Protein backbone atom coordinates (compact mmCIF):
# COMPACT_ATOMS: atom_id res chain seq x y z
CA MET A 1 222.49 80.74 -43.99
CA ASN A 2 220.66 77.60 -44.55
CA PRO A 3 221.17 74.72 -41.99
CA PRO A 4 223.23 71.81 -43.27
CA GLY A 5 221.43 69.59 -45.84
CA VAL A 6 218.63 72.13 -46.43
CA PHE A 7 218.53 73.56 -49.95
CA THR A 8 216.30 76.32 -51.06
CA THR A 9 215.26 76.83 -54.84
CA PHE A 10 214.02 79.96 -56.30
CA ASP A 11 211.70 80.08 -59.42
CA VAL A 12 212.22 83.08 -61.69
CA VAL A 13 208.89 84.33 -63.10
CA THR A 14 209.17 86.43 -66.38
CA LEU A 15 206.23 88.68 -67.11
CA SER A 16 205.48 89.57 -70.63
CA ILE A 17 202.59 91.68 -72.18
CA VAL A 18 200.78 89.85 -74.99
CA GLU A 19 198.95 91.92 -77.43
CA THR A 20 195.58 90.54 -78.41
CA SER A 21 193.13 91.61 -80.95
CA ARG A 22 190.08 93.23 -79.52
CA THR A 23 187.04 91.35 -80.88
CA GLY A 24 183.46 92.12 -81.23
CA PRO A 25 180.28 90.09 -80.21
CA THR A 26 180.86 87.51 -83.03
CA GLY A 27 184.56 87.26 -82.44
CA GLU A 28 185.45 89.44 -85.33
CA VAL A 29 188.41 91.86 -84.99
CA ILE A 30 186.99 95.53 -84.60
CA ASP A 31 187.52 97.76 -87.52
CA PRO A 32 188.55 101.02 -85.95
CA THR A 33 187.38 103.12 -88.90
CA ARG A 34 183.93 101.50 -89.09
CA HIS A 35 183.67 101.89 -85.21
CA ARG A 36 184.33 105.50 -85.34
CA ALA A 37 181.96 105.94 -88.37
CA LEU A 38 179.10 104.58 -86.19
CA GLY A 39 180.09 106.44 -83.05
CA THR A 40 177.23 108.72 -83.17
CA ALA A 41 173.50 107.82 -83.10
CA SER A 42 172.81 109.96 -86.10
CA ARG A 43 175.11 107.82 -88.43
CA ALA A 44 173.88 104.57 -86.96
CA SER A 45 170.34 105.38 -87.57
CA ILE A 46 171.06 106.63 -91.27
CA LEU A 47 172.80 103.47 -91.84
CA GLU A 48 169.97 101.41 -90.67
CA MET A 49 167.65 103.65 -92.81
CA VAL A 50 169.57 103.10 -96.06
CA ARG A 51 169.62 99.34 -95.20
CA GLU A 52 165.77 99.20 -94.85
CA ALA A 53 165.35 101.27 -98.12
CA GLY A 54 166.76 98.42 -100.13
CA GLY A 55 167.18 100.29 -103.35
CA GLY A 56 169.26 103.17 -101.51
CA MET A 57 168.45 106.55 -100.70
CA THR A 58 169.63 110.00 -102.04
CA ILE A 59 170.89 112.81 -99.64
CA ALA A 60 167.64 114.62 -100.27
CA GLU A 61 165.68 111.60 -99.12
CA VAL A 62 167.72 111.25 -96.06
CA GLY A 63 167.34 114.89 -95.23
CA GLU A 64 163.73 114.66 -95.56
CA ARG A 65 163.46 111.61 -93.44
CA THR A 66 165.79 112.87 -90.59
CA GLY A 67 165.20 116.66 -90.80
CA LEU A 68 168.93 117.05 -91.22
CA HIS A 69 170.19 119.95 -93.44
CA PRO A 70 171.46 118.35 -96.82
CA SER A 71 175.11 119.26 -96.18
CA THR A 72 174.82 117.49 -92.73
CA ALA A 73 173.29 114.50 -94.18
CA ARG A 74 175.88 114.46 -96.98
CA SER A 75 178.68 114.45 -94.35
CA HIS A 76 177.24 111.53 -92.59
CA LEU A 77 176.71 109.67 -95.66
CA ASP A 78 180.15 110.03 -97.07
CA ARG A 79 181.56 109.05 -93.72
CA LEU A 80 179.82 105.84 -93.85
CA VAL A 81 181.07 105.52 -97.38
CA ASP A 82 184.69 106.05 -96.30
CA ALA A 83 184.19 103.45 -93.65
CA GLY A 84 183.07 100.75 -96.35
CA LEU A 85 179.57 100.64 -94.80
CA LEU A 86 177.87 102.31 -97.89
CA VAL A 87 178.62 102.66 -101.52
CA LYS A 88 177.38 105.55 -103.77
CA ALA A 89 176.70 105.73 -107.51
CA ARG A 90 174.59 108.05 -109.84
CA ALA A 91 171.35 106.26 -110.72
CA SER A 92 170.54 107.95 -113.96
CA GLY A 93 168.05 105.53 -115.50
CA GLY A 94 169.97 106.05 -118.74
CA GLN A 95 168.92 109.73 -118.92
CA PRO A 96 171.44 112.48 -119.72
CA GLY A 97 172.70 114.84 -117.10
CA ARG A 98 174.32 114.30 -113.65
CA PRO A 99 171.80 112.85 -111.25
CA ALA A 100 171.99 112.90 -107.40
CA TRP A 101 174.25 110.35 -105.69
CA ARG A 102 172.28 107.31 -104.43
CA TYR A 103 173.76 105.56 -101.48
CA ARG A 104 173.31 101.83 -100.72
CA VAL A 105 174.46 99.36 -98.05
CA ALA A 106 177.95 97.77 -99.11
CA THR A 107 177.78 93.89 -99.21
CA GLU A 108 180.78 91.56 -98.80
CA GLN A 109 181.64 90.46 -102.17
CA ALA A 110 184.43 88.42 -103.83
CA PRO A 111 186.97 90.77 -105.61
CA ALA A 112 187.74 90.55 -109.17
CA PRO A 113 190.90 88.63 -110.24
CA ALA A 114 194.05 90.68 -109.09
CA PRO A 115 195.08 91.57 -112.62
CA TYR A 116 191.68 93.13 -113.38
CA ARG A 117 191.80 95.03 -110.00
CA ALA A 118 195.32 96.32 -110.63
CA LEU A 119 194.18 97.65 -114.04
CA ALA A 120 191.22 99.36 -112.55
CA ALA A 121 193.31 100.93 -109.95
CA ALA A 122 195.97 102.06 -112.32
CA LEU A 123 193.21 103.62 -114.37
CA LEU A 124 191.89 105.61 -111.40
CA ASP A 125 195.43 106.87 -110.41
CA HIS A 126 195.94 107.84 -114.10
CA LEU A 127 192.77 109.93 -114.25
CA ALA A 128 193.39 111.28 -110.84
CA ARG A 129 196.96 112.52 -112.02
CA ARG A 130 195.36 114.11 -115.05
CA GLY A 131 193.04 116.25 -112.88
CA ARG A 132 191.12 117.54 -115.88
CA GLY A 133 188.45 116.53 -118.40
CA ASP A 134 185.40 114.31 -117.94
CA VAL A 135 186.45 111.40 -115.77
CA ARG A 136 183.53 109.26 -116.61
CA ALA A 137 183.73 109.77 -120.29
CA ASP A 138 187.58 108.96 -120.24
CA ALA A 139 186.81 105.88 -118.04
CA THR A 140 184.02 104.80 -120.45
CA ARG A 141 186.45 104.99 -123.44
CA ALA A 142 189.02 102.91 -121.54
CA GLY A 143 186.55 100.28 -120.49
CA HIS A 144 185.05 100.05 -124.11
CA ASP A 145 188.69 99.03 -125.37
CA TRP A 146 188.94 96.74 -122.43
CA GLY A 147 185.48 95.11 -123.22
CA ARG A 148 186.49 94.52 -126.81
CA HIS A 149 189.61 92.85 -125.71
CA LEU A 150 188.04 90.65 -123.20
CA ALA A 151 185.21 89.67 -125.64
CA ALA A 152 187.80 88.90 -128.40
CA ALA A 153 189.45 86.40 -125.92
CA THR A 154 186.14 84.75 -124.94
CA PRO A 155 184.67 81.79 -126.89
CA PRO A 156 181.82 83.09 -128.93
CA GLY A 157 178.33 82.27 -127.71
CA GLU A 158 175.13 81.72 -129.60
CA ASP A 159 174.52 85.48 -129.62
CA PRO A 160 176.45 88.62 -128.35
CA ILE A 161 174.49 88.61 -125.07
CA ASP A 162 175.97 85.18 -124.36
CA THR A 163 179.41 86.62 -124.91
CA LEU A 164 178.67 89.63 -122.72
CA LEU A 165 177.54 87.34 -120.00
CA ALA A 166 180.85 85.36 -120.19
CA VAL A 167 182.81 88.59 -119.94
CA LEU A 168 180.90 89.76 -116.97
CA ARG A 169 181.18 86.39 -115.21
CA GLY A 170 184.91 86.30 -115.88
CA LEU A 171 185.14 89.65 -114.05
CA GLY A 172 183.22 88.63 -111.07
CA PHE A 173 179.93 90.41 -111.59
CA SER A 174 177.61 87.21 -110.97
CA PRO A 175 175.23 88.47 -113.91
CA SER A 176 171.78 87.08 -114.28
CA LEU A 177 169.75 87.55 -117.58
CA LYS A 178 166.09 88.63 -117.05
CA GLN A 179 163.18 89.23 -119.25
CA THR A 180 160.94 92.19 -118.05
CA GLY A 181 157.12 92.48 -118.54
CA ASN A 182 157.38 94.93 -121.43
CA GLY A 183 159.49 92.28 -123.56
CA THR A 184 162.80 94.21 -122.80
CA THR A 185 166.03 92.45 -121.73
CA GLU A 186 167.98 93.14 -118.58
CA ILE A 187 171.20 91.78 -117.08
CA HIS A 188 171.34 92.03 -113.21
CA LEU A 189 174.77 92.34 -111.65
CA PHE A 190 174.56 90.93 -108.18
CA THR A 191 178.16 91.54 -107.13
CA CYS A 192 180.61 94.44 -107.72
CA PRO A 193 184.13 92.94 -107.85
CA PHE A 194 185.59 96.35 -107.74
CA LEU A 195 183.69 97.43 -104.74
CA GLU A 196 187.05 98.58 -102.82
CA LEU A 197 187.71 100.99 -105.64
CA VAL A 198 184.14 102.45 -105.93
CA GLY A 199 184.70 104.98 -102.94
CA ARG A 200 187.95 106.32 -104.67
CA ASN A 201 185.91 107.59 -107.79
CA PRO A 202 182.27 106.13 -108.30
CA ASP A 203 182.04 108.04 -111.43
CA ALA A 204 185.16 106.55 -113.00
CA ILE A 205 184.40 102.98 -111.96
CA CYS A 206 180.79 103.13 -113.16
CA GLY A 207 182.07 104.69 -116.51
CA LEU A 208 184.46 101.92 -116.75
CA HIS A 209 181.82 99.16 -116.39
CA VAL A 210 179.62 100.94 -119.08
CA GLY A 211 182.53 100.85 -121.39
CA VAL A 212 183.31 97.29 -120.78
CA VAL A 213 179.54 96.32 -121.48
CA ARG A 214 179.37 98.25 -124.70
CA GLY A 215 182.78 97.34 -125.93
CA ALA A 216 182.07 93.58 -125.34
CA LEU A 217 178.73 93.93 -127.19
CA GLU A 218 180.35 95.64 -130.21
CA GLN A 219 183.11 93.08 -130.44
CA ALA A 220 180.43 90.33 -130.44
CA GLY A 221 178.43 92.01 -133.25
CA ALA A 222 175.64 94.14 -131.34
CA PRO A 223 175.09 97.85 -131.31
CA PRO A 224 176.99 99.25 -128.28
CA SER A 225 174.62 102.18 -127.88
CA GLY A 226 171.80 99.68 -127.15
CA ALA A 227 172.92 99.23 -123.66
CA VAL A 228 172.81 101.32 -120.58
CA LEU A 229 173.93 100.58 -117.00
CA GLU A 230 171.79 101.74 -114.12
CA PRO A 231 173.71 101.74 -110.75
CA PHE A 232 171.25 100.39 -108.05
CA GLY A 233 168.81 99.79 -110.74
CA ALA A 234 167.28 96.85 -108.60
CA PRO A 235 167.18 96.61 -104.72
CA THR A 236 170.05 93.99 -104.70
CA ALA A 237 171.84 94.68 -108.03
CA CYS A 238 173.04 97.17 -110.70
CA VAL A 239 171.06 96.61 -113.91
CA VAL A 240 172.35 96.57 -117.52
CA ARG A 241 169.23 97.40 -119.87
CA LEU A 242 169.32 96.32 -123.47
CA SER A 243 167.29 98.26 -126.06
CA PHE A 244 167.62 95.47 -128.66
CA ARG A 245 165.95 92.09 -128.82
CA PRO A 246 168.41 88.96 -128.36
CA ASP A 247 166.59 87.00 -131.17
CA THR A 248 167.44 89.61 -133.66
CA LEU A 249 171.25 89.20 -133.12
CA THR A 250 173.86 86.55 -134.30
CA SER A 251 177.42 86.32 -133.44
CA PRO A 252 179.82 87.32 -136.14
CA ALA A 253 181.53 84.48 -138.01
């Protein structure tokens, strides 16, 4: 019992556990999937190797450089793709057949407008549910119709290539028109606004892009067969190669 006139107070201390995000050296929240993908020295070295290659590498090239069996190299590469660290596409150079996958480092890119991403995602889901047929060909046909629609809604330029550039800019591809040393025309696509969908089905997404290019050109009055899309055709870009001369084309009235 306290003596008269003496009062004792007690403070109540409440302890609580506060969850804080774990951060990496730059203060960014650690991505567990990427962290696990880089959990082995082999995958980390493969990622650095592909990054230094610039134009990407095939499974055979990685196996040759590392001494890994092709199936092991493929497993490591696809694990890096699943983690969003690499992207892959078939670099055909416009030639027929099914060439090997080529892997390239993924870059942070602005996504396409939400309605376009939703449309592309819906197409992938539709093709996946079908489970038969040539996915790339089906996606190319769908992209062709989509490209015609987008070109029809685009103010016409001086020639069909101007219309195509406007369509590609609207989708977020950051296109750049270039003339090669042999007089042909190329459009370099420096961003892929559908990058988050590429890992789900690279053939379908690349086919969709081919179709958009050809459909937009056809709607604007150019021969659609005169364009091929080369994934990873340049160290920092995919390349649309045109086999017709721009100065021979005019926009339809």
